[in-house]
Amino acid sequence: MLEDGFGREVTGVRVSLTDRCNFDCVYCHNEGLGDTRGPMAARDHEMSADDVVRFLGVVDEYGVDAVKFTGGEPMLRDDLEEIIERTPDSMEVSLTTNGTFLPGRAPDLVDAGLERVNVSQDALDPKVFADVTQSGAYDKVMEGVRAAVDAGLNPVKLNMVVFEQTAGYVPEMVDYVAENEGLQLQLIEFMPELVGKPEWAVDIERVHGWLAEQADEVEHREMHDRKRYHVGDGMVEIVDPVGNADFCANCHRVRVTHEGYLKGCLNRNDDLRSMGEMTKPEIREAFENVVESRVPYYGEYMVEADDGGWEVNDEYIEA
C-alpha cells in the first residue's frame, strides 16, 4: 500500500464517471449540465468502461480496497452496472447519486456488486429542494431512496449540504432518518472556497453542539477525525473539512476525474496528473507520482493567516 510524504496510506479512490448532471444544485462547483437526456454510453470526453476497469485493476495491485463512483450524476452512464460488475472483487463498491435513476435500477446495481449508496437529499420540503437543486425531481428522489433500501443497499446515506438555505431543515432530517430503518444522514459542511458565496456558510460547530444534545451516543470515527451522533435508531455524521487540519491529515483517498486525470485533493485542480492513454504502465506511474506528491489541503497547502483565516502557503507553492 502506498503512503504519501505525510504517512497517509491511500486505501480508497473516488472515480468520477461523468461531469453531466440532471440537477443544477446552487452549491455545486461543476459548471454546466451537459447532455442529460438520460443514461447513455460514455461521451468522447469521458473514460470508457475499459479505462475505468483497467485503472481499478492497477490500484488493486497497491492494496486499494474501496472505490466510490461519483459524477456529475454517475447514473447517467448506462454502463454503470457493467463497470461495477467488472470492479475487482477485493474492493468495496459504493456510489454517490442524486437518486433519480435508482427506481428500476437499484436491484441490478446490487446484483452487479454495489454495496452502499449516498443519495443527495438537501431538504424534505419539495419547494426548498427545488430551489436548491433547480429540479422538480423531489418525488423521484424519495422513490429512489426507498428503492435503494428495498434492494438491500446498506447503509443508504442521505447527503445534506448544510448552508443558509438548508440549515433550518436539519432537525426534520435527523428525525426522518431516526424513524426510517436503513437510512443514515451525512451533513456536509458548505465549502465557500469552491463556489464562492461565503455569506451562505453557517457555523458547523453549532450543528455539532445541537446534535450532541440530541444524541444518545457520540462515537468518534478515526477516518477524517469525524464524529457520529446516534439519535434514536438513526445515525448522523458531520463532514466538516473547512479549515479543519485534522480532517485533511486523515484523508486516505485519491480522486480520478471523468477525463482520466488523477488528483491528490478534491479541493485542488492545480495538481492534476494525466494517465495518458491509460495503459497499465502509465496508470502505475501517474498513481505513484500523485500519491508521492499529496499534501494535506488545510495545514500544508493552506495555512492559518494572522487574522485567523486561511491563506495559500506561498512557501509550498514556490517549492
Protein backbone atom coordinates (compact mmCIF):
# COMPACT_ATOMS: atom_id res chain seq x y z
CA MET A 1 0.00 0.00 0.00
CA LEU A 2 1.38 3.40 -0.98
CA GLU A 3 1.97 6.18 1.58
CA ASP A 4 2.37 9.87 0.86
CA GLY A 5 5.01 12.06 2.48
CA PHE A 6 2.76 12.61 5.49
CA GLY A 7 2.36 8.91 6.30
CA ARG A 8 -1.17 8.69 4.89
CA GLU A 9 -1.87 5.38 3.21
CA VAL A 10 -4.08 5.53 0.12
CA THR A 11 -6.81 2.97 0.73
CA GLY A 12 -9.61 4.33 -1.46
CA VAL A 13 -10.32 6.05 -4.75
CA ARG A 14 -13.21 8.25 -5.88
CA VAL A 15 -13.84 7.86 -9.60
CA SER A 16 -15.95 10.42 -11.47
CA LEU A 17 -17.69 8.75 -14.40
CA THR A 18 -19.15 11.92 -15.92
CA ASP A 19 -19.42 15.65 -15.42
CA ARG A 20 -23.01 15.62 -16.69
CA CYS A 21 -25.87 16.01 -14.22
CA ASN A 22 -29.63 16.34 -14.44
CA PHE A 23 -29.60 18.67 -11.42
CA ASP A 24 -28.11 22.17 -11.21
CA CYS A 25 -27.52 22.50 -7.47
CA VAL A 26 -26.72 26.03 -6.37
CA TYR A 27 -23.76 24.91 -4.22
CA CYS A 28 -22.15 22.66 -6.85
CA HIS A 29 -18.68 23.61 -8.12
CA ASN A 30 -19.15 21.88 -11.51
CA GLU A 31 -20.06 24.07 -14.43
CA GLY A 32 -22.89 23.24 -16.82
CA LEU A 33 -25.28 20.32 -17.05
CA GLY A 34 -24.11 18.74 -20.30
CA ASP A 35 -26.25 16.18 -22.15
CA THR A 36 -28.79 14.95 -19.59
CA ARG A 37 -31.39 13.25 -21.76
CA GLY A 38 -30.92 10.05 -19.75
CA PRO A 39 -28.48 7.18 -19.25
CA MET A 40 -26.25 6.73 -22.28
CA ALA A 41 -22.84 5.47 -23.32
CA ALA A 42 -19.69 7.35 -22.32
CA ARG A 43 -19.22 10.65 -24.15
CA ASP A 44 -15.97 11.32 -26.03
CA HIS A 45 -14.50 13.27 -23.09
CA GLU A 46 -15.31 10.57 -20.51
CA MET A 47 -13.33 7.49 -19.57
CA SER A 48 -14.68 4.31 -21.14
CA ALA A 49 -15.71 1.33 -19.04
CA ASP A 50 -12.46 -0.39 -20.11
CA ASP A 51 -10.43 2.63 -18.94
CA VAL A 52 -12.12 2.66 -15.54
CA VAL A 53 -11.74 -1.09 -15.02
CA ARG A 54 -8.09 -1.02 -16.10
CA PHE A 55 -7.40 1.78 -13.60
CA LEU A 56 -9.10 -0.14 -10.79
CA GLY A 57 -7.13 -3.26 -11.65
CA VAL A 58 -3.88 -1.32 -11.30
CA VAL A 59 -4.68 0.36 -7.96
CA ASP A 60 -5.88 -3.02 -6.67
CA GLU A 61 -2.23 -4.07 -7.01
CA TYR A 62 -1.36 -1.35 -4.46
CA GLY A 63 -3.88 -2.55 -1.88
CA VAL A 64 -6.63 -0.01 -2.59
CA ASP A 65 -9.72 -1.72 -1.19
CA ALA A 66 -12.57 0.76 -1.77
CA VAL A 67 -13.97 2.68 -4.72
CA LYS A 68 -16.75 5.26 -4.78
CA PHE A 69 -18.25 6.13 -8.15
CA THR A 70 -19.30 9.76 -8.46
CA GLY A 71 -20.13 12.38 -11.08
CA GLY A 72 -21.72 14.66 -12.03
CA GLU A 73 -24.50 12.10 -11.87
CA PRO A 74 -22.88 8.68 -12.39
CA MET A 75 -26.18 7.00 -13.20
CA LEU A 76 -26.27 8.96 -16.46
CA ARG A 77 -23.83 6.27 -17.59
CA ASP A 78 -25.73 3.29 -19.00
CA ASP A 79 -22.67 1.07 -18.45
CA LEU A 80 -22.55 1.70 -14.68
CA GLU A 81 -23.72 -1.83 -13.89
CA GLU A 82 -21.04 -3.25 -16.20
CA ILE A 83 -18.31 -1.16 -14.53
CA ILE A 84 -19.39 -2.26 -11.06
CA GLU A 85 -19.57 -5.91 -12.12
CA ARG A 86 -16.03 -5.71 -13.52
CA THR A 87 -14.59 -3.98 -10.43
CA PRO A 88 -12.03 -6.17 -8.57
CA ASP A 89 -13.73 -8.43 -6.04
CA SER A 90 -11.41 -7.17 -3.29
CA MET A 91 -12.89 -3.66 -3.46
CA GLU A 92 -15.89 -2.34 -1.55
CA VAL A 93 -18.06 -0.52 -4.10
CA SER A 94 -20.20 2.49 -3.26
CA LEU A 95 -21.98 5.19 -5.25
CA THR A 96 -22.94 8.84 -4.80
CA THR A 97 -26.06 9.79 -6.75
CA ASN A 98 -28.99 12.20 -6.72
CA GLY A 99 -31.25 9.14 -6.69
CA THR A 100 -33.48 9.93 -9.66
CA PHE A 101 -32.43 6.81 -11.58
CA LEU A 102 -32.42 4.39 -8.64
CA PRO A 103 -36.06 3.29 -9.17
CA GLY A 104 -35.83 0.36 -11.54
CA ARG A 105 -32.02 0.15 -11.49
CA ALA A 106 -31.25 -0.41 -7.80
CA PRO A 107 -31.73 -4.22 -7.90
CA ASP A 108 -29.46 -4.54 -10.95
CA LEU A 109 -26.80 -2.41 -9.25
CA VAL A 110 -26.89 -4.68 -6.20
CA ASP A 111 -26.66 -7.76 -8.43
CA ALA A 112 -23.61 -6.20 -10.10
CA GLY A 113 -21.88 -5.76 -6.73
CA LEU A 114 -22.86 -2.33 -5.39
CA GLU A 115 -22.82 -2.38 -1.57
CA ARG A 116 -23.53 1.16 -0.36
CA VAL A 117 -25.07 4.34 -1.73
CA ASN A 118 -25.14 8.01 -0.82
CA VAL A 119 -28.17 9.93 -2.08
CA SER A 120 -28.17 13.74 -2.23
CA GLN A 121 -31.19 14.94 -0.26
CA ASP A 122 -30.91 18.54 0.90
CA ALA A 123 -34.40 19.05 2.32
CA LEU A 124 -37.65 17.21 2.96
CA ASP A 125 -39.59 20.23 1.70
CA PRO A 126 -40.32 19.94 -2.07
CA LYS A 127 -40.10 23.70 -2.65
CA VAL A 128 -36.80 24.12 -0.83
CA PHE A 129 -35.50 21.02 -2.59
CA ALA A 130 -36.46 22.52 -5.94
CA ASP A 131 -34.84 25.86 -5.09
CA VAL A 132 -31.56 24.16 -4.11
CA THR A 133 -31.36 21.57 -6.90
CA GLN A 134 -33.07 23.58 -9.66
CA SER A 135 -35.13 20.47 -10.40
CA GLY A 136 -38.61 19.14 -9.83
CA ALA A 137 -37.46 15.63 -9.03
CA TYR A 138 -38.30 15.55 -5.31
CA ASP A 139 -40.78 12.66 -5.56
CA LYS A 140 -38.45 10.66 -7.81
CA VAL A 141 -35.59 11.06 -5.32
CA MET A 142 -37.77 9.91 -2.43
CA GLU A 143 -38.79 6.90 -4.54
CA GLY A 144 -35.13 6.25 -5.27
CA VAL A 145 -34.24 6.24 -1.57
CA ARG A 146 -36.94 3.66 -0.89
CA ALA A 147 -35.78 1.58 -3.87
CA ALA A 148 -32.21 1.58 -2.53
CA VAL A 149 -33.33 0.36 0.90
CA ASP A 150 -35.63 -2.29 -0.61
CA ALA A 151 -32.80 -3.54 -2.86
CA GLY A 152 -30.67 -4.24 0.21
CA LEU A 153 -28.10 -1.47 -0.04
CA ASN A 154 -26.69 -0.88 3.41
CA PRO A 155 -26.31 1.76 4.52
CA VAL A 156 -28.29 4.22 2.43
CA LYS A 157 -26.80 7.56 3.42
CA LEU A 158 -28.59 10.82 2.72
CA ASN A 159 -26.16 13.63 1.87
CA MET A 160 -27.35 17.04 3.03
CA VAL A 161 -25.20 20.11 2.36
CA VAL A 162 -25.64 22.45 5.32
CA PHE A 163 -25.75 26.11 4.35
CA GLU A 164 -28.03 29.10 4.74
CA GLN A 165 -30.88 27.67 2.66
CA THR A 166 -30.96 24.22 4.31
CA ALA A 167 -29.70 24.62 7.90
CA GLY A 168 -33.20 25.10 9.31
CA TYR A 169 -34.26 21.70 7.98
CA VAL A 170 -31.58 19.70 9.80
CA PRO A 171 -33.82 18.72 12.78
CA GLU A 172 -36.52 17.40 10.42
CA MET A 173 -33.94 15.37 8.50
CA VAL A 174 -32.48 13.93 11.73
CA ASP A 175 -35.95 12.83 12.80
CA TYR A 176 -36.54 11.31 9.36
CA VAL A 177 -33.50 9.01 9.47
CA ALA A 178 -34.19 8.14 13.10
CA GLU A 179 -37.67 6.94 12.15
CA ASN A 180 -36.80 5.08 8.93
CA GLU A 181 -34.80 1.87 9.16
CA GLY A 182 -31.86 1.53 6.81
CA LEU A 183 -31.15 5.26 6.50
CA GLN A 184 -28.24 7.33 7.80
CA LEU A 185 -27.59 11.05 7.47
CA GLN A 186 -24.40 12.76 6.38
CA LEU A 187 -24.36 16.52 7.00
CA ILE A 188 -21.78 18.13 4.71
CA GLU A 189 -20.26 21.48 5.56
CA PHE A 190 -20.68 24.04 2.77
CA MET A 191 -17.34 24.88 1.14
CA PRO A 192 -17.43 28.54 0.02
CA GLU A 193 -13.89 28.46 -1.37
CA LEU A 194 -15.08 26.06 -4.10
CA VAL A 195 -18.11 28.04 -5.27
CA GLY A 196 -17.85 31.47 -3.67
CA LYS A 197 -20.85 32.75 -1.65
CA PRO A 198 -19.14 32.92 1.79
CA GLU A 199 -22.33 34.53 3.10
CA TRP A 200 -24.07 31.16 2.71
CA ALA A 201 -21.82 29.44 5.25
CA VAL A 202 -23.14 28.51 8.69
CA ASP A 203 -21.24 27.78 11.89
CA ILE A 204 -20.88 24.00 11.72
CA GLU A 205 -19.81 23.88 15.39
CA ARG A 206 -23.33 24.95 16.34
CA VAL A 207 -24.65 21.93 14.45
CA HIS A 208 -22.19 19.70 16.32
CA GLY A 209 -23.35 21.20 19.61
CA TRP A 210 -27.03 20.74 18.82
CA LEU A 211 -26.51 17.11 17.77
CA ALA A 212 -24.51 16.36 20.90
CA GLU A 213 -27.51 17.49 22.96
CA GLN A 214 -29.88 15.25 20.98
CA ALA A 215 -27.68 12.17 20.75
CA ASP A 216 -27.99 9.03 22.85
CA GLU A 217 -24.37 8.24 22.00
CA VAL A 218 -21.47 10.07 20.34
CA GLU A 219 -18.91 7.94 18.51
CA HIS A 220 -15.52 9.13 17.28
CA ARG A 221 -14.53 7.85 13.84
CA GLU A 222 -10.82 7.75 13.10
CA MET A 223 -11.18 8.39 9.36
CA HIS A 224 -11.14 12.15 8.82
CA ASP A 225 -11.44 12.59 12.61
CA ARG A 226 -15.25 12.58 12.30
CA LYS A 227 -17.96 12.27 14.93
CA ARG A 228 -21.06 10.11 14.61
CA TYR A 229 -24.20 11.00 16.57
CA HIS A 230 -26.66 8.21 17.33
CA VAL A 231 -30.18 9.64 17.70
CA GLY A 232 -32.86 7.04 18.33
CA ASP A 233 -32.39 4.36 15.70
CA GLY A 234 -30.65 6.78 13.34
CA MET A 235 -27.02 7.75 12.84
CA VAL A 236 -25.85 11.23 11.84
CA GLU A 237 -22.32 12.10 10.76
CA ILE A 238 -20.88 15.54 10.01
CA VAL A 239 -18.36 16.03 7.23
CA ASP A 240 -16.62 19.26 8.23
CA PRO A 241 -13.45 19.84 6.22
CA VAL A 242 -13.45 23.65 6.08
CA GLY A 243 -10.44 24.93 7.99
CA ASN A 244 -10.04 21.51 9.61
CA ALA A 245 -6.41 20.37 9.52
CA ASP A 246 -7.30 17.15 11.36
CA PHE A 247 -9.78 16.25 8.62
CA CYS A 248 -7.16 16.65 5.91
CA ALA A 249 -4.50 14.86 7.94
CA ASN A 250 -6.72 11.77 7.91
CA CYS A 251 -7.53 11.74 4.19
CA HIS A 252 -6.79 8.38 2.54
CA ARG A 253 -8.34 8.88 -0.91
CA VAL A 254 -7.19 9.83 -4.38
CA ARG A 255 -9.62 11.31 -6.89
CA VAL A 256 -9.99 10.49 -10.58
CA THR A 257 -11.70 12.93 -12.95
CA HIS A 258 -14.08 11.76 -15.66
CA GLU A 259 -11.43 12.69 -18.24
CA GLY A 260 -8.85 10.37 -16.72
CA TYR A 261 -6.78 12.72 -14.57
CA LEU A 262 -5.59 11.86 -11.08
CA LYS A 263 -5.72 14.44 -8.31
CA GLY A 264 -4.49 14.14 -4.74
CA CYS A 265 -7.06 16.52 -3.26
CA LEU A 266 -10.71 17.27 -4.00
CA ASN A 267 -10.19 20.98 -3.35
CA ARG A 268 -7.38 21.46 -5.85
CA ASN A 269 -7.16 21.46 -9.61
CA ASP A 270 -3.53 22.56 -9.83
CA ASP A 271 -2.27 19.05 -9.08
CA LEU A 272 -3.95 17.18 -11.94
CA ARG A 273 -1.87 14.38 -13.43
CA SER A 274 -2.78 12.76 -16.72
CA MET A 275 -2.76 8.98 -17.09
CA GLY A 276 -2.06 9.41 -20.81
CA GLU A 277 -3.61 6.68 -22.93
CA MET A 278 -4.37 4.81 -19.69
CA THR A 279 -2.09 1.88 -20.33
CA LYS A 280 -1.19 -0.02 -17.17
CA PRO A 281 2.39 1.36 -17.05
CA GLU A 282 1.09 4.93 -17.47
CA ILE A 283 -1.52 4.41 -14.74
CA ARG A 284 1.09 2.97 -12.36
CA GLU A 285 3.49 5.87 -12.94
CA ALA A 286 0.81 8.52 -12.52
CA PHE A 287 -0.67 6.88 -9.42
CA GLU A 288 2.71 6.55 -7.71
CA ASN A 289 3.59 10.16 -8.53
CA VAL A 290 0.30 11.63 -7.38
CA VAL A 291 0.43 9.73 -4.08
CA GLU A 292 4.01 10.84 -3.50
CA SER A 293 3.06 14.49 -4.01
CA ARG A 294 -0.15 14.51 -1.90
CA VAL A 295 -0.29 17.36 0.60
CA PRO A 296 -3.00 17.97 3.24
CA TYR A 297 -5.11 20.87 1.96
CA TYR A 298 -5.59 22.54 5.34
CA GLY A 299 -2.42 22.67 7.41
CA GLU A 300 0.02 22.47 4.49
CA TYR A 301 -1.35 23.76 1.18
CA MET A 302 -3.49 26.25 3.10
CA VAL A 303 -2.14 27.67 6.37
CA GLU A 304 -3.65 29.85 9.06
CA ALA A 305 -3.27 33.57 8.47
CA ASP A 306 -2.66 36.22 11.13
CA ASP A 307 -6.34 37.18 11.04
CA GLY A 308 -7.41 33.60 11.88
CA GLY A 309 -8.44 32.74 8.33
CA TRP A 310 -6.65 30.55 5.82
CA GLU A 311 -4.30 31.53 3.00
CA VAL A 312 -2.30 29.69 0.35
CA ASN A 313 1.10 28.60 1.63
CA ASP A 314 3.48 30.57 -0.60
CA GLU A 315 6.46 28.52 0.59
CA TYR A 316 4.76 25.33 -0.61
CA ILE A 317 3.87 26.86 -3.98
CA GLU A 318 7.45 28.08 -4.51
CA ALA A 319 8.86 24.70 -3.54
